[in-house]
Amino acid sequence: MSQSYESIIMQFPLFQGYTAPGARMLLERGEVKEYEPGEVLFREGDEPRFVILLLTGRLQVFVERNGKDMVLIDAMPGTIVGELAVLCGIPRSASVRASERSAALKLTSQAFRSLLLGDAFLSERIFRQSLRTLIEKERSLIDSLNPAI
């Protein structure tokens, strides 16, 4: 387990109050993976088998329409992606790719749900972030439909 990932997790607002053992426990529940620029982590329509906690780098959440990619949000470290599909039990609503070299904690759907059930304060923070993400995606879509004049 990387000591640096533990300290990174403890700095994320989502995990405020986590100690090194708590961050280590979180890391042990999943698998840290590294992604190269352009690598796709999952695609729109995929079954929701896992969520991603971005540790380092940057990810793009995007949809492809009419042969063009529309970026909905740029995910920064500390962001969880793929959680809405897991929470709702529906296919992925967007694709995610690394826009730069990135490291992420991949948590299975079951591990993510267990995490939520075991920590009410973290659950509240994750739900709050998920709703913000949903609103950002909605704004991005609206803005793309109504370009500024």
N, C-alpha and C. Protein backbone atom coordinates (compact mmCIF):
# COMPACT_ATOMS: atom_id res chain seq x y z
N MET A 1 0.86 -1.18 0.00
CA MET A 1 0.00 0.00 0.00
C MET A 1 0.89 1.24 0.00
N SER A 2 0.58 2.17 -0.80
CA SER A 2 1.40 3.36 -0.92
C SER A 2 1.06 4.37 0.16
N GLN A 3 2.08 4.72 0.95
CA GLN A 3 1.90 5.74 1.99
C GLN A 3 1.42 7.05 1.38
N SER A 4 1.89 7.37 0.18
CA SER A 4 1.49 8.64 -0.43
C SER A 4 0.00 8.66 -0.76
N TYR A 5 -0.59 7.53 -1.17
CA TYR A 5 -2.02 7.51 -1.44
C TYR A 5 -2.83 7.71 -0.16
N GLU A 6 -2.34 7.17 0.94
CA GLU A 6 -3.01 7.40 2.23
C GLU A 6 -3.06 8.89 2.54
N SER A 7 -1.93 9.56 2.41
CA SER A 7 -1.90 10.99 2.74
C SER A 7 -2.71 11.81 1.75
N ILE A 8 -2.75 11.38 0.49
CA ILE A 8 -3.57 12.07 -0.51
C ILE A 8 -5.04 11.98 -0.13
N ILE A 9 -5.51 10.78 0.21
CA ILE A 9 -6.91 10.58 0.58
C ILE A 9 -7.29 11.45 1.77
N MET A 10 -6.42 11.55 2.75
CA MET A 10 -6.73 12.33 3.96
C MET A 10 -6.87 13.82 3.65
N GLN A 11 -6.35 14.28 2.52
CA GLN A 11 -6.45 15.69 2.15
C GLN A 11 -7.73 16.02 1.38
N PHE A 12 -8.42 15.01 0.85
CA PHE A 12 -9.64 15.24 0.08
C PHE A 12 -10.76 15.68 1.02
N PRO A 13 -11.50 16.74 0.65
CA PRO A 13 -12.64 17.18 1.48
C PRO A 13 -13.65 16.05 1.75
N LEU A 14 -13.83 15.18 0.77
CA LEU A 14 -14.77 14.07 0.92
C LEU A 14 -14.41 13.17 2.09
N PHE A 15 -13.13 13.06 2.38
CA PHE A 15 -12.65 12.16 3.43
C PHE A 15 -12.08 12.93 4.62
N GLN A 16 -12.60 14.12 4.83
CA GLN A 16 -12.19 14.96 5.96
C GLN A 16 -12.36 14.17 7.26
N GLY A 17 -11.33 14.20 8.08
CA GLY A 17 -11.37 13.50 9.35
C GLY A 17 -10.82 12.09 9.30
N TYR A 18 -10.53 11.58 8.11
CA TYR A 18 -9.94 10.25 8.01
C TYR A 18 -8.51 10.29 8.54
N THR A 19 -8.15 9.25 9.25
CA THR A 19 -6.77 9.09 9.74
C THR A 19 -6.04 8.17 8.76
N ALA A 20 -4.74 8.01 8.97
CA ALA A 20 -3.97 7.11 8.11
C ALA A 20 -4.55 5.69 8.13
N PRO A 21 -4.90 5.13 9.30
CA PRO A 21 -5.51 3.79 9.27
C PRO A 21 -6.84 3.76 8.51
N GLY A 22 -7.64 4.81 8.61
CA GLY A 22 -8.90 4.86 7.87
C GLY A 22 -8.66 4.92 6.37
N ALA A 23 -7.69 5.73 5.96
CA ALA A 23 -7.35 5.81 4.53
C ALA A 23 -6.79 4.48 4.03
N ARG A 24 -5.97 3.83 4.86
CA ARG A 24 -5.41 2.53 4.50
C ARG A 24 -6.54 1.50 4.34
N MET A 25 -7.52 1.54 5.25
CA MET A 25 -8.66 0.63 5.17
C MET A 25 -9.42 0.85 3.86
N LEU A 26 -9.61 2.12 3.50
CA LEU A 26 -10.29 2.43 2.24
C LEU A 26 -9.50 1.86 1.06
N LEU A 27 -8.21 2.06 1.05
CA LEU A 27 -7.37 1.54 -0.04
C LEU A 27 -7.43 0.02 -0.11
N GLU A 28 -7.52 -0.63 1.05
CA GLU A 28 -7.56 -2.09 1.09
C GLU A 28 -8.88 -2.65 0.58
N ARG A 29 -9.93 -1.83 0.55
CA ARG A 29 -11.24 -2.27 0.05
C ARG A 29 -11.29 -2.32 -1.48
N GLY A 30 -10.32 -1.68 -2.12
CA GLY A 30 -10.33 -1.63 -3.58
C GLY A 30 -8.97 -1.94 -4.16
N GLU A 31 -8.79 -1.49 -5.38
CA GLU A 31 -7.54 -1.73 -6.11
C GLU A 31 -7.10 -0.42 -6.75
N VAL A 32 -5.85 -0.01 -6.48
CA VAL A 32 -5.31 1.19 -7.11
C VAL A 32 -4.83 0.81 -8.50
N LYS A 33 -5.32 1.57 -9.49
CA LYS A 33 -4.94 1.33 -10.88
C LYS A 33 -4.42 2.63 -11.47
N GLU A 34 -3.49 2.50 -12.41
CA GLU A 34 -2.97 3.67 -13.12
C GLU A 34 -3.49 3.63 -14.55
N TYR A 35 -3.78 4.84 -15.05
CA TYR A 35 -4.35 4.98 -16.39
C TYR A 35 -3.53 5.97 -17.20
N GLU A 36 -3.36 5.68 -18.46
CA GLU A 36 -2.64 6.54 -19.38
C GLU A 36 -3.61 7.50 -20.06
N PRO A 37 -3.14 8.65 -20.55
CA PRO A 37 -4.02 9.59 -21.25
C PRO A 37 -4.76 8.89 -22.40
N GLY A 38 -6.07 9.12 -22.46
CA GLY A 38 -6.89 8.53 -23.50
C GLY A 38 -7.48 7.17 -23.14
N GLU A 39 -6.98 6.55 -22.09
CA GLU A 39 -7.49 5.24 -21.69
C GLU A 39 -8.91 5.38 -21.13
N VAL A 40 -9.81 4.53 -21.61
CA VAL A 40 -11.20 4.57 -21.18
C VAL A 40 -11.37 3.64 -19.98
N LEU A 41 -11.96 4.17 -18.91
CA LEU A 41 -12.19 3.40 -17.69
C LEU A 41 -13.49 2.62 -17.77
N PHE A 42 -14.52 3.25 -18.33
CA PHE A 42 -15.77 2.57 -18.63
C PHE A 42 -16.52 3.38 -19.67
N ARG A 43 -17.50 2.71 -20.31
CA ARG A 43 -18.25 3.32 -21.41
C ARG A 43 -19.73 3.46 -21.06
N GLU A 44 -20.32 4.47 -21.68
CA GLU A 44 -21.76 4.67 -21.57
C GLU A 44 -22.46 3.37 -21.94
N GLY A 45 -23.43 2.97 -21.13
CA GLY A 45 -24.17 1.74 -21.38
C GLY A 45 -23.62 0.53 -20.65
N ASP A 46 -22.37 0.60 -20.16
CA ASP A 46 -21.80 -0.52 -19.41
C ASP A 46 -22.58 -0.76 -18.12
N GLU A 47 -22.54 -2.00 -17.66
CA GLU A 47 -23.14 -2.33 -16.37
C GLU A 47 -22.29 -1.70 -15.25
N PRO A 48 -22.93 -1.23 -14.18
CA PRO A 48 -22.21 -0.55 -13.10
C PRO A 48 -21.60 -1.53 -12.10
N ARG A 49 -20.41 -1.99 -12.38
CA ARG A 49 -19.77 -2.99 -11.53
C ARG A 49 -18.77 -2.39 -10.54
N PHE A 50 -18.45 -1.10 -10.70
CA PHE A 50 -17.47 -0.48 -9.82
C PHE A 50 -17.61 1.04 -9.86
N VAL A 51 -16.98 1.69 -8.90
CA VAL A 51 -16.85 3.14 -8.88
C VAL A 51 -15.36 3.45 -8.85
N ILE A 52 -15.03 4.68 -9.19
CA ILE A 52 -13.64 5.13 -9.23
C ILE A 52 -13.48 6.34 -8.33
N LEU A 53 -12.49 6.31 -7.44
CA LEU A 53 -12.07 7.48 -6.67
C LEU A 53 -10.77 7.95 -7.30
N LEU A 54 -10.79 9.13 -7.91
CA LEU A 54 -9.60 9.65 -8.56
C LEU A 54 -8.61 10.13 -7.51
N LEU A 55 -7.41 9.56 -7.53
CA LEU A 55 -6.35 9.91 -6.58
C LEU A 55 -5.42 10.99 -7.13
N THR A 56 -4.98 10.80 -8.36
CA THR A 56 -4.10 11.77 -9.01
C THR A 56 -4.49 11.86 -10.49
N GLY A 57 -4.17 12.98 -11.10
CA GLY A 57 -4.44 13.15 -12.52
C GLY A 57 -5.78 13.82 -12.77
N ARG A 58 -6.35 13.51 -13.92
CA ARG A 58 -7.62 14.12 -14.33
C ARG A 58 -8.36 13.15 -15.24
N LEU A 59 -9.68 13.10 -15.06
CA LEU A 59 -10.54 12.28 -15.89
C LEU A 59 -11.57 13.15 -16.58
N GLN A 60 -12.02 12.71 -17.75
CA GLN A 60 -13.11 13.38 -18.45
C GLN A 60 -14.33 12.47 -18.45
N VAL A 61 -15.45 13.02 -18.06
CA VAL A 61 -16.73 12.33 -18.17
C VAL A 61 -17.35 12.87 -19.45
N PHE A 62 -17.69 11.98 -20.39
CA PHE A 62 -18.16 12.43 -21.69
C PHE A 62 -19.20 11.50 -22.27
N VAL A 63 -19.93 12.01 -23.23
CA VAL A 63 -20.86 11.20 -24.03
C VAL A 63 -20.50 11.42 -25.49
N GLU A 64 -20.77 10.42 -26.30
CA GLU A 64 -20.54 10.55 -27.74
C GLU A 64 -21.89 10.69 -28.42
N ARG A 65 -22.03 11.76 -29.19
CA ARG A 65 -23.25 12.00 -29.93
C ARG A 65 -22.89 12.46 -31.34
N ASN A 66 -23.52 11.85 -32.32
CA ASN A 66 -23.28 12.20 -33.73
C ASN A 66 -21.79 12.16 -34.07
N GLY A 67 -21.09 11.18 -33.53
CA GLY A 67 -19.68 11.01 -33.82
C GLY A 67 -18.75 11.98 -33.13
N LYS A 68 -19.27 12.79 -32.22
CA LYS A 68 -18.45 13.76 -31.50
C LYS A 68 -18.55 13.52 -30.00
N ASP A 69 -17.43 13.74 -29.32
CA ASP A 69 -17.42 13.63 -27.87
C ASP A 69 -17.84 14.96 -27.25
N MET A 70 -18.75 14.87 -26.29
CA MET A 70 -19.16 16.05 -25.54
C MET A 70 -18.72 15.83 -24.10
N VAL A 71 -17.74 16.63 -23.65
CA VAL A 71 -17.25 16.50 -22.28
C VAL A 71 -18.25 17.15 -21.34
N LEU A 72 -18.71 16.36 -20.37
CA LEU A 72 -19.68 16.84 -19.40
C LEU A 72 -19.00 17.49 -18.20
N ILE A 73 -17.97 16.83 -17.69
CA ILE A 73 -17.19 17.41 -16.59
C ILE A 73 -15.75 16.90 -16.66
N ASP A 74 -14.85 17.66 -16.09
CA ASP A 74 -13.48 17.23 -15.86
C ASP A 74 -13.40 16.87 -14.38
N ALA A 75 -13.13 15.60 -14.10
CA ALA A 75 -13.03 15.15 -12.71
C ALA A 75 -11.61 15.36 -12.20
N MET A 76 -11.53 15.96 -11.04
CA MET A 76 -10.25 16.26 -10.41
C MET A 76 -10.01 15.28 -9.26
N PRO A 77 -8.78 15.20 -8.74
CA PRO A 77 -8.52 14.30 -7.62
C PRO A 77 -9.49 14.55 -6.46
N GLY A 78 -9.93 13.45 -5.86
CA GLY A 78 -10.88 13.51 -4.77
C GLY A 78 -12.31 13.29 -5.22
N THR A 79 -12.51 13.18 -6.54
CA THR A 79 -13.84 12.97 -7.10
C THR A 79 -14.11 11.48 -7.27
N ILE A 80 -15.34 11.10 -6.97
CA ILE A 80 -15.79 9.74 -7.24
C ILE A 80 -16.62 9.79 -8.52
N VAL A 81 -16.33 8.89 -9.46
CA VAL A 81 -17.10 8.81 -10.70
C VAL A 81 -17.69 7.41 -10.83
N GLY A 82 -18.85 7.36 -11.47
CA GLY A 82 -19.53 6.09 -11.68
C GLY A 82 -20.46 5.70 -10.56
N GLU A 83 -20.57 6.56 -9.55
CA GLU A 83 -21.36 6.22 -8.37
C GLU A 83 -22.85 6.27 -8.63
N LEU A 84 -23.30 7.16 -9.52
CA LEU A 84 -24.74 7.28 -9.76
C LEU A 84 -25.32 6.01 -10.36
N ALA A 85 -24.63 5.42 -11.31
CA ALA A 85 -25.11 4.18 -11.92
C ALA A 85 -25.13 3.06 -10.88
N VAL A 86 -24.11 3.00 -10.04
CA VAL A 86 -24.06 1.97 -8.99
C VAL A 86 -25.20 2.17 -8.00
N LEU A 87 -25.40 3.41 -7.55
CA LEU A 87 -26.45 3.69 -6.57
C LEU A 87 -27.84 3.42 -7.12
N CYS A 88 -28.03 3.71 -8.41
CA CYS A 88 -29.35 3.55 -9.02
C CYS A 88 -29.55 2.17 -9.65
N GLY A 89 -28.46 1.42 -9.83
CA GLY A 89 -28.56 0.11 -10.46
C GLY A 89 -28.93 0.18 -11.92
N ILE A 90 -28.42 1.20 -12.61
CA ILE A 90 -28.73 1.40 -14.03
C ILE A 90 -27.43 1.42 -14.84
N PRO A 91 -27.52 1.17 -16.15
CA PRO A 91 -26.30 1.25 -16.97
C PRO A 91 -25.66 2.64 -16.91
N ARG A 92 -24.39 2.68 -17.20
CA ARG A 92 -23.63 3.95 -17.17
C ARG A 92 -24.28 4.97 -18.09
N SER A 93 -24.39 6.21 -17.62
CA SER A 93 -25.00 7.28 -18.42
C SER A 93 -23.97 8.04 -19.23
N ALA A 94 -22.69 7.79 -18.96
CA ALA A 94 -21.60 8.48 -19.67
C ALA A 94 -20.37 7.59 -19.64
N SER A 95 -19.40 7.96 -20.44
CA SER A 95 -18.11 7.28 -20.46
C SER A 95 -17.10 8.11 -19.68
N VAL A 96 -16.02 7.45 -19.26
CA VAL A 96 -14.96 8.14 -18.52
C VAL A 96 -13.62 7.71 -19.09
N ARG A 97 -12.76 8.71 -19.33
CA ARG A 97 -11.40 8.42 -19.82
C ARG A 97 -10.41 9.30 -19.08
N ALA A 98 -9.18 8.84 -19.04
CA ALA A 98 -8.11 9.63 -18.44
C ALA A 98 -7.70 10.71 -19.44
N SER A 99 -7.64 11.95 -18.97
CA SER A 99 -7.17 13.02 -19.86
C SER A 99 -5.69 13.32 -19.61
N GLU A 100 -5.16 12.75 -18.55
CA GLU A 100 -3.72 12.79 -18.27
C GLU A 100 -3.41 11.55 -17.45
N ARG A 101 -2.13 11.27 -17.27
CA ARG A 101 -1.75 10.10 -16.46
C ARG A 101 -2.43 10.22 -15.10
N SER A 102 -3.13 9.16 -14.71
CA SER A 102 -3.95 9.22 -13.51
C SER A 102 -3.82 7.94 -12.70
N ALA A 103 -4.05 8.07 -11.40
CA ALA A 103 -4.15 6.91 -10.51
C ALA A 103 -5.51 7.00 -9.83
N ALA A 104 -6.15 5.85 -9.69
CA ALA A 104 -7.50 5.84 -9.12
C ALA A 104 -7.70 4.58 -8.29
N LEU A 105 -8.54 4.71 -7.29
CA LEU A 105 -8.95 3.57 -6.48
C LEU A 105 -10.24 3.03 -7.09
N LYS A 106 -10.20 1.78 -7.50
CA LYS A 106 -11.37 1.13 -8.09
C LYS A 106 -12.03 0.27 -7.01
N LEU A 107 -13.27 0.61 -6.70
CA LEU A 107 -14.05 -0.11 -5.68
C LEU A 107 -15.19 -0.85 -6.36
N THR A 108 -15.34 -2.13 -6.06
CA THR A 108 -16.48 -2.86 -6.61
C THR A 108 -17.77 -2.24 -6.09
N SER A 109 -18.85 -2.50 -6.77
CA SER A 109 -20.16 -1.99 -6.35
C SER A 109 -20.46 -2.41 -4.92
N GLN A 110 -20.17 -3.65 -4.60
CA GLN A 110 -20.44 -4.17 -3.26
C GLN A 110 -19.57 -3.46 -2.22
N ALA A 111 -18.30 -3.26 -2.51
CA ALA A 111 -17.41 -2.57 -1.56
C ALA A 111 -17.87 -1.13 -1.35
N PHE A 112 -18.31 -0.48 -2.43
CA PHE A 112 -18.79 0.90 -2.33
C PHE A 112 -20.05 0.97 -1.47
N ARG A 113 -20.99 0.08 -1.71
CA ARG A 113 -22.22 0.08 -0.91
C ARG A 113 -21.91 -0.18 0.57
N SER A 114 -21.01 -1.10 0.83
CA SER A 114 -20.62 -1.39 2.22
C SER A 114 -20.01 -0.17 2.88
N LEU A 115 -19.20 0.55 2.12
CA LEU A 115 -18.59 1.78 2.63
C LEU A 115 -19.67 2.78 3.01
N LEU A 116 -20.66 2.96 2.15
CA LEU A 116 -21.74 3.90 2.42
C LEU A 116 -22.56 3.49 3.65
N LEU A 117 -22.84 2.21 3.77
CA LEU A 117 -23.63 1.72 4.89
C LEU A 117 -22.88 1.82 6.22
N GLY A 118 -21.56 1.77 6.15
CA GLY A 118 -20.75 1.78 7.37
C GLY A 118 -20.37 3.15 7.88
N ASP A 119 -20.61 4.19 7.10
CA ASP A 119 -20.18 5.54 7.51
C ASP A 119 -21.21 6.57 7.05
N ALA A 120 -22.10 6.94 7.96
CA ALA A 120 -23.19 7.86 7.62
C ALA A 120 -22.68 9.23 7.17
N PHE A 121 -21.63 9.73 7.81
CA PHE A 121 -21.11 11.05 7.44
C PHE A 121 -20.50 11.01 6.04
N LEU A 122 -19.76 9.97 5.74
CA LEU A 122 -19.19 9.83 4.39
C LEU A 122 -20.30 9.66 3.37
N SER A 123 -21.32 8.89 3.70
CA SER A 123 -22.46 8.71 2.78
C SER A 123 -23.08 10.05 2.42
N GLU A 124 -23.28 10.89 3.43
CA GLU A 124 -23.86 12.21 3.18
C GLU A 124 -22.98 13.04 2.25
N ARG A 125 -21.68 13.01 2.48
CA ARG A 125 -20.75 13.76 1.62
C ARG A 125 -20.78 13.23 0.19
N ILE A 126 -20.79 11.92 0.04
CA ILE A 126 -20.80 11.31 -1.30
C ILE A 126 -22.10 11.65 -2.02
N PHE A 127 -23.24 11.56 -1.32
CA PHE A 127 -24.51 11.91 -1.96
C PHE A 127 -24.53 13.38 -2.37
N ARG A 128 -23.98 14.23 -1.52
CA ARG A 128 -23.93 15.66 -1.85
C ARG A 128 -23.08 15.88 -3.10
N GLN A 129 -21.90 15.24 -3.16
CA GLN A 129 -21.03 15.37 -4.33
C GLN A 129 -21.72 14.81 -5.57
N SER A 130 -22.41 13.69 -5.43
CA SER A 130 -23.10 13.07 -6.57
C SER A 130 -24.16 14.00 -7.14
N LEU A 131 -24.91 14.65 -6.26
CA LEU A 131 -25.93 15.59 -6.74
C LEU A 131 -25.30 16.80 -7.41
N ARG A 132 -24.20 17.29 -6.87
CA ARG A 132 -23.49 18.41 -7.52
C ARG A 132 -23.02 18.00 -8.91
N THR A 133 -22.47 16.79 -9.01
CA THR A 133 -22.01 16.29 -10.30
C THR A 133 -23.16 16.20 -11.29
N LEU A 134 -24.28 15.70 -10.84
CA LEU A 134 -25.46 15.60 -11.70
C LEU A 134 -25.90 16.98 -12.19
N ILE A 135 -25.88 17.96 -11.30
CA ILE A 135 -26.26 19.32 -11.69
C ILE A 135 -25.25 19.90 -12.67
N GLU A 136 -23.95 19.64 -12.46
CA GLU A 136 -22.93 20.12 -13.40
C GLU A 136 -23.12 19.51 -14.78
N LYS A 137 -23.42 18.21 -14.82
CA LYS A 137 -23.67 17.56 -16.11
C LYS A 137 -24.87 18.18 -16.80
N GLU A 138 -25.92 18.42 -16.04
CA GLU A 138 -27.12 19.02 -16.60
C GLU A 138 -26.82 20.40 -17.17
N ARG A 139 -26.08 21.21 -16.43
CA ARG A 139 -25.72 22.55 -16.91
C ARG A 139 -24.88 22.47 -18.17
N SER A 140 -23.95 21.53 -18.20
CA SER A 140 -23.10 21.36 -19.37
C SER A 140 -23.93 21.02 -20.60
N LEU A 141 -24.88 20.12 -20.42
CA LEU A 141 -25.76 19.75 -21.53
C LEU A 141 -26.61 20.92 -21.99
N ILE A 142 -27.17 21.66 -21.05
CA ILE A 142 -27.99 22.82 -21.39
C ILE A 142 -27.15 23.86 -22.13
N ASP A 143 -25.95 24.13 -21.62
CA ASP A 143 -25.06 25.10 -22.27
C ASP A 143 -24.71 24.66 -23.69
N SER A 144 -24.53 23.37 -23.90
CA SER A 144 -24.18 22.90 -25.24
C SER A 144 -25.35 23.03 -26.21
N LEU A 145 -26.54 22.99 -25.68
CA LEU A 145 -27.73 23.15 -26.53
C LEU A 145 -28.04 24.60 -26.84
N ASN A 146 -27.63 25.50 -25.95
CA ASN A 146 -27.90 26.93 -26.08
C ASN A 146 -26.58 27.71 -26.04
N PRO A 147 -25.77 27.62 -27.09
CA PRO A 147 -24.49 28.33 -27.08
C PRO A 147 -24.70 29.83 -26.94
N ALA A 148 -23.73 30.46 -26.27
CA ALA A 148 -23.80 31.92 -26.07
C ALA A 148 -23.76 32.62 -27.42
N ILE A 149 -24.52 33.68 -27.52
CA ILE A 149 -24.59 34.45 -28.77
C ILE A 149 -23.55 35.55 -28.75
